[in-house]
N, C-alpha and C. Protein backbone atom coordinates (compact mmCIF):
# COMPACT_ATOMS: atom_id res chain seq x y z
N UNK A 1 -175.59 -58.43 84.52
CA UNK A 1 -175.27 -58.77 83.15
C UNK A 1 -176.39 -58.24 82.26
N UNK A 2 -175.99 -57.69 81.15
CA UNK A 2 -176.94 -57.16 80.18
C UNK A 2 -176.91 -58.02 78.93
N UNK A 3 -178.05 -58.52 78.52
CA UNK A 3 -178.16 -59.22 77.25
C UNK A 3 -178.48 -58.20 76.18
N UNK A 4 -177.57 -58.04 75.25
CA UNK A 4 -177.73 -57.03 74.20
C UNK A 4 -178.32 -57.70 72.97
N UNK A 5 -179.47 -57.19 72.58
CA UNK A 5 -180.19 -57.72 71.42
C UNK A 5 -180.45 -56.57 70.44
N UNK A 6 -181.13 -56.88 69.39
CA UNK A 6 -181.48 -55.87 68.39
C UNK A 6 -182.28 -54.72 69.03
N UNK A 7 -183.14 -55.06 69.98
CA UNK A 7 -184.01 -54.06 70.59
C UNK A 7 -183.26 -53.04 71.45
N UNK A 8 -182.18 -53.44 72.11
CA UNK A 8 -181.48 -52.50 72.99
C UNK A 8 -180.02 -52.27 72.57
N UNK A 9 -179.68 -52.65 71.36
CA UNK A 9 -178.30 -52.57 70.89
C UNK A 9 -177.72 -51.16 71.00
N UNK A 10 -178.40 -50.17 70.50
CA UNK A 10 -177.87 -48.81 70.48
C UNK A 10 -177.64 -48.29 71.90
N UNK A 11 -178.61 -48.48 72.76
CA UNK A 11 -178.51 -48.01 74.14
C UNK A 11 -177.35 -48.69 74.87
N UNK A 12 -177.25 -50.01 74.77
CA UNK A 12 -176.21 -50.74 75.49
C UNK A 12 -174.83 -50.54 74.87
N UNK A 13 -174.75 -50.39 73.57
CA UNK A 13 -173.47 -50.10 72.93
C UNK A 13 -172.93 -48.76 73.39
N UNK A 14 -173.82 -47.78 73.49
CA UNK A 14 -173.40 -46.46 73.99
C UNK A 14 -172.94 -46.54 75.44
N UNK A 15 -173.62 -47.37 76.25
CA UNK A 15 -173.22 -47.56 77.64
C UNK A 15 -171.83 -48.18 77.72
N UNK A 16 -171.59 -49.20 76.92
CA UNK A 16 -170.27 -49.84 76.89
C UNK A 16 -169.20 -48.83 76.48
N UNK A 17 -169.45 -48.08 75.43
CA UNK A 17 -168.47 -47.09 74.95
C UNK A 17 -168.23 -45.99 75.98
N UNK A 18 -169.24 -45.65 76.74
CA UNK A 18 -169.11 -44.63 77.79
C UNK A 18 -168.17 -45.11 78.91
N UNK A 19 -168.26 -46.38 79.29
CA UNK A 19 -167.48 -46.90 80.41
C UNK A 19 -166.14 -47.52 80.00
N UNK A 20 -165.95 -47.78 78.73
CA UNK A 20 -164.72 -48.43 78.27
C UNK A 20 -163.45 -47.64 78.59
N UNK A 21 -163.41 -46.33 78.39
CA UNK A 21 -162.15 -45.60 78.62
C UNK A 21 -161.65 -45.64 80.07
N UNK A 22 -162.54 -45.84 81.03
CA UNK A 22 -162.13 -45.82 82.43
C UNK A 22 -161.94 -47.22 83.02
N UNK A 23 -162.09 -48.26 82.20
CA UNK A 23 -161.94 -49.62 82.69
C UNK A 23 -160.48 -49.91 83.04
N UNK A 24 -160.28 -50.60 84.16
CA UNK A 24 -158.93 -51.02 84.55
C UNK A 24 -158.44 -52.11 83.61
N UNK A 25 -159.35 -53.00 83.22
CA UNK A 25 -159.06 -54.00 82.20
C UNK A 25 -160.36 -54.54 81.64
N UNK A 26 -160.24 -55.23 80.50
CA UNK A 26 -161.38 -55.73 79.75
C UNK A 26 -161.17 -57.21 79.45
N UNK A 27 -162.25 -57.99 79.55
CA UNK A 27 -162.21 -59.40 79.17
C UNK A 27 -163.19 -59.62 78.02
N UNK A 28 -162.79 -60.43 77.05
CA UNK A 28 -163.64 -60.70 75.88
C UNK A 28 -163.74 -62.20 75.70
N UNK A 29 -164.95 -62.66 75.40
CA UNK A 29 -165.21 -64.08 75.16
C UNK A 29 -166.17 -64.17 73.99
N UNK A 30 -166.05 -65.24 73.21
CA UNK A 30 -166.99 -65.42 72.11
C UNK A 30 -167.44 -66.87 72.05
N UNK A 31 -168.64 -67.04 71.57
CA UNK A 31 -169.19 -68.37 71.33
C UNK A 31 -169.40 -68.48 69.83
N UNK A 32 -169.02 -69.63 69.27
CA UNK A 32 -169.14 -69.85 67.83
C UNK A 32 -170.02 -71.05 67.56
N UNK A 33 -170.43 -71.19 66.31
CA UNK A 33 -171.28 -72.32 65.92
C UNK A 33 -170.50 -73.62 65.84
N UNK A 34 -169.19 -73.58 65.98
CA UNK A 34 -168.35 -74.77 65.98
C UNK A 34 -166.98 -74.43 66.50
N UNK A 35 -166.23 -75.47 66.92
CA UNK A 35 -164.89 -75.21 67.45
C UNK A 35 -163.80 -76.05 66.79
N UNK A 36 -164.20 -76.98 65.94
CA UNK A 36 -163.19 -77.78 65.25
C UNK A 36 -163.72 -78.19 63.88
N UNK A 37 -162.81 -78.58 63.02
CA UNK A 37 -163.20 -79.02 61.68
C UNK A 37 -163.30 -80.54 61.66
N UNK A 38 -164.28 -81.08 60.95
CA UNK A 38 -164.42 -82.53 60.88
C UNK A 38 -163.14 -83.18 60.36
N UNK A 39 -162.70 -84.22 61.07
CA UNK A 39 -161.51 -84.96 60.66
C UNK A 39 -160.19 -84.33 61.05
N UNK A 40 -160.21 -83.17 61.70
CA UNK A 40 -158.94 -82.51 62.03
C UNK A 40 -158.34 -82.98 63.35
N UNK A 41 -159.13 -83.56 64.23
CA UNK A 41 -158.61 -84.01 65.52
C UNK A 41 -158.24 -82.85 66.42
N UNK A 42 -157.78 -83.19 67.60
CA UNK A 42 -157.39 -82.17 68.57
C UNK A 42 -155.94 -81.79 68.36
N UNK A 43 -155.59 -80.52 68.59
CA UNK A 43 -154.19 -80.12 68.51
C UNK A 43 -153.38 -80.84 69.59
N UNK A 44 -152.14 -81.13 69.29
CA UNK A 44 -151.26 -81.80 70.24
C UNK A 44 -150.75 -80.80 71.27
N UNK A 45 -150.58 -81.26 72.49
CA UNK A 45 -150.01 -80.41 73.53
C UNK A 45 -148.55 -80.09 73.25
N UNK A 46 -147.93 -80.89 72.40
CA UNK A 46 -146.53 -80.68 72.05
C UNK A 46 -146.33 -79.71 70.89
N UNK A 47 -147.43 -79.26 70.27
CA UNK A 47 -147.33 -78.32 69.16
C UNK A 47 -146.74 -77.00 69.63
N UNK A 48 -145.96 -76.39 68.76
CA UNK A 48 -145.50 -75.02 69.01
C UNK A 48 -146.66 -74.09 68.71
N UNK A 49 -146.61 -72.86 69.17
CA UNK A 49 -147.70 -71.93 68.85
C UNK A 49 -147.94 -71.79 67.35
N UNK A 50 -146.90 -71.77 66.55
CA UNK A 50 -147.09 -71.62 65.10
C UNK A 50 -147.73 -72.87 64.50
N UNK A 51 -147.37 -74.05 65.01
CA UNK A 51 -148.01 -75.29 64.53
C UNK A 51 -149.49 -75.31 64.91
N UNK A 52 -149.79 -74.91 66.12
CA UNK A 52 -151.19 -74.89 66.58
C UNK A 52 -151.99 -73.89 65.74
N UNK A 53 -151.42 -72.72 65.51
CA UNK A 53 -152.10 -71.71 64.70
C UNK A 53 -152.42 -72.26 63.31
N UNK A 54 -151.45 -72.89 62.66
CA UNK A 54 -151.66 -73.46 61.33
C UNK A 54 -152.77 -74.50 61.32
N UNK A 55 -152.87 -75.29 62.39
CA UNK A 55 -153.87 -76.36 62.41
C UNK A 55 -155.28 -75.87 62.72
N UNK A 56 -155.41 -74.72 63.36
CA UNK A 56 -156.77 -74.28 63.75
C UNK A 56 -157.20 -72.94 63.15
N UNK A 57 -156.37 -72.33 62.31
CA UNK A 57 -156.70 -71.00 61.80
C UNK A 57 -157.93 -70.98 60.89
N UNK A 58 -158.30 -72.11 60.30
CA UNK A 58 -159.47 -72.12 59.42
C UNK A 58 -160.79 -72.22 60.18
N UNK A 59 -160.73 -72.57 61.45
CA UNK A 59 -161.97 -72.71 62.24
C UNK A 59 -162.78 -71.41 62.26
N UNK A 60 -162.19 -70.26 62.64
CA UNK A 60 -163.01 -69.04 62.65
C UNK A 60 -163.45 -68.57 61.26
N UNK A 61 -162.77 -69.06 60.23
CA UNK A 61 -163.20 -68.71 58.87
C UNK A 61 -164.43 -69.51 58.46
N UNK A 62 -164.60 -70.68 59.04
CA UNK A 62 -165.70 -71.55 58.65
C UNK A 62 -166.96 -71.33 59.50
N UNK A 63 -166.79 -71.05 60.77
CA UNK A 63 -167.92 -70.94 61.69
C UNK A 63 -168.25 -69.49 61.99
N UNK A 64 -169.47 -69.28 62.43
CA UNK A 64 -169.93 -67.93 62.74
C UNK A 64 -169.89 -67.66 64.24
N UNK A 65 -169.58 -66.42 64.58
CA UNK A 65 -169.68 -65.99 65.97
C UNK A 65 -171.15 -65.74 66.25
N UNK A 66 -171.70 -66.36 67.29
CA UNK A 66 -173.12 -66.18 67.60
C UNK A 66 -173.35 -65.38 68.87
N UNK A 67 -172.31 -65.24 69.68
CA UNK A 67 -172.43 -64.47 70.92
C UNK A 67 -171.06 -63.90 71.27
N UNK A 68 -171.05 -62.65 71.69
CA UNK A 68 -169.82 -61.99 72.10
C UNK A 68 -170.02 -61.43 73.49
N UNK A 69 -169.16 -61.81 74.40
CA UNK A 69 -169.22 -61.30 75.77
C UNK A 69 -168.10 -60.31 76.01
N UNK A 70 -168.44 -59.18 76.62
CA UNK A 70 -167.46 -58.17 76.97
C UNK A 70 -167.68 -57.81 78.43
N UNK A 71 -166.62 -57.84 79.21
CA UNK A 71 -166.70 -57.46 80.63
C UNK A 71 -165.73 -56.32 80.89
N UNK A 72 -166.23 -55.25 81.47
CA UNK A 72 -165.41 -54.10 81.83
C UNK A 72 -165.20 -54.12 83.34
N UNK A 73 -163.97 -54.07 83.78
CA UNK A 73 -163.64 -54.10 85.20
C UNK A 73 -163.17 -52.73 85.65
N UNK A 74 -163.83 -52.19 86.67
CA UNK A 74 -163.47 -50.90 87.25
C UNK A 74 -163.13 -51.10 88.72
N UNK A 75 -162.06 -50.45 89.17
CA UNK A 75 -161.73 -50.54 90.59
C UNK A 75 -162.84 -49.89 91.40
N UNK A 76 -163.25 -50.59 92.46
CA UNK A 76 -164.30 -50.09 93.35
C UNK A 76 -163.65 -49.10 94.32
N UNK A 77 -164.04 -47.84 94.29
CA UNK A 77 -163.34 -46.82 95.08
C UNK A 77 -163.50 -47.00 96.59
N UNK A 78 -164.54 -47.66 97.04
CA UNK A 78 -164.79 -47.80 98.48
C UNK A 78 -164.16 -49.05 99.09
N UNK A 79 -163.53 -49.89 98.29
CA UNK A 79 -163.04 -51.16 98.80
C UNK A 79 -161.55 -51.36 98.62
N UNK A 80 -160.78 -50.31 98.79
CA UNK A 80 -159.33 -50.45 98.79
C UNK A 80 -158.94 -51.10 100.11
N UNK A 81 -158.22 -52.18 100.05
CA UNK A 81 -157.75 -52.85 101.27
C UNK A 81 -156.24 -52.86 101.27
N UNK A 82 -155.71 -52.96 102.43
CA UNK A 82 -154.26 -53.03 102.57
C UNK A 82 -153.88 -54.45 102.95
N UNK A 83 -152.88 -54.98 102.27
CA UNK A 83 -152.40 -56.33 102.52
C UNK A 83 -150.96 -56.23 103.01
N UNK A 84 -150.73 -56.77 104.17
CA UNK A 84 -149.38 -56.72 104.76
C UNK A 84 -148.53 -57.80 104.12
N UNK A 85 -147.40 -57.42 103.60
CA UNK A 85 -146.45 -58.35 103.00
C UNK A 85 -145.09 -58.15 103.64
N UNK A 86 -144.35 -59.22 103.72
CA UNK A 86 -142.99 -59.11 104.23
C UNK A 86 -142.16 -58.39 103.17
N UNK A 87 -141.41 -57.38 103.57
CA UNK A 87 -140.57 -56.68 102.57
C UNK A 87 -139.47 -57.59 102.06
N UNK A 88 -139.21 -57.50 100.76
CA UNK A 88 -138.13 -58.31 100.17
C UNK A 88 -136.80 -57.63 100.43
N UNK A 89 -135.71 -58.35 100.18
CA UNK A 89 -134.39 -57.78 100.38
C UNK A 89 -134.15 -56.61 99.42
N UNK A 90 -134.76 -56.69 98.24
CA UNK A 90 -134.57 -55.64 97.23
C UNK A 90 -135.49 -54.45 97.47
N UNK A 91 -136.53 -54.65 98.26
CA UNK A 91 -137.54 -53.62 98.46
C UNK A 91 -137.46 -53.10 99.89
N UNK A 92 -137.17 -51.86 100.03
CA UNK A 92 -137.06 -51.29 101.37
C UNK A 92 -138.36 -50.59 101.79
N UNK A 93 -139.45 -50.81 101.08
CA UNK A 93 -140.72 -50.16 101.42
C UNK A 93 -141.30 -50.81 102.67
N UNK A 94 -142.43 -50.32 103.07
CA UNK A 94 -143.06 -50.77 104.31
C UNK A 94 -143.64 -52.17 104.22
N UNK A 95 -143.75 -52.74 103.03
CA UNK A 95 -144.33 -54.06 102.89
C UNK A 95 -145.84 -54.04 102.85
N UNK A 96 -146.45 -52.89 102.70
CA UNK A 96 -147.90 -52.78 102.62
C UNK A 96 -148.27 -52.55 101.16
N UNK A 97 -149.10 -53.42 100.65
CA UNK A 97 -149.52 -53.34 99.25
C UNK A 97 -151.03 -53.12 99.20
N UNK A 98 -151.45 -52.24 98.35
CA UNK A 98 -152.87 -51.96 98.20
C UNK A 98 -153.50 -52.97 97.24
N UNK A 99 -154.65 -53.49 97.62
CA UNK A 99 -155.41 -54.38 96.75
C UNK A 99 -156.75 -53.73 96.49
N UNK A 100 -157.32 -54.02 95.35
CA UNK A 100 -158.61 -53.43 95.00
C UNK A 100 -159.63 -54.51 94.70
N UNK A 101 -160.88 -54.18 94.94
CA UNK A 101 -161.96 -55.02 94.45
C UNK A 101 -162.52 -54.32 93.22
N UNK A 102 -163.19 -55.09 92.38
CA UNK A 102 -163.62 -54.53 91.11
C UNK A 102 -165.13 -54.63 90.93
N UNK A 103 -165.66 -53.62 90.29
CA UNK A 103 -167.03 -53.65 89.80
C UNK A 103 -166.96 -54.14 88.36
N UNK A 104 -167.88 -55.00 87.98
CA UNK A 104 -167.85 -55.57 86.63
C UNK A 104 -169.14 -55.21 85.90
N UNK A 105 -168.98 -54.71 84.70
CA UNK A 105 -170.11 -54.47 83.80
C UNK A 105 -170.00 -55.51 82.69
N UNK A 106 -170.99 -56.40 82.60
CA UNK A 106 -170.93 -57.48 81.61
C UNK A 106 -172.01 -57.27 80.55
N UNK A 107 -171.60 -57.48 79.32
CA UNK A 107 -172.49 -57.34 78.17
C UNK A 107 -172.40 -58.62 77.33
N UNK A 108 -173.54 -59.20 77.05
CA UNK A 108 -173.62 -60.36 76.14
C UNK A 108 -174.31 -59.90 74.87
N UNK A 109 -173.56 -59.85 73.80
CA UNK A 109 -174.11 -59.46 72.51
C UNK A 109 -174.53 -60.71 71.75
N UNK A 110 -175.80 -60.83 71.45
CA UNK A 110 -176.31 -61.93 70.64
C UNK A 110 -176.31 -61.48 69.20
N UNK A 111 -175.52 -62.13 68.36
CA UNK A 111 -175.33 -61.69 66.98
C UNK A 111 -176.19 -62.48 66.02
């Protein structure tokens, strides 16, 4: 994991941009100075997505992002494994599926 600060921002940003195009997938996480508004309570589990959005959309407008995490996942070329699966009725293939292990490049940006 790389902690990206003012001192190494340019170097690590260039590293991230260099490896981003070849990533199999990317994960992003952020930490904020707050996660709820005073007096707003917790969203109900019964809320629809649009109701939940309406109730919490002001949170990111009020609080600041203080840390951003980015993880780039690349398939590890030396660790392809074969997993034997029973062929389904719809699939006439051999029932062998390739699985991959991943190398992860993690960057924590302190903002």
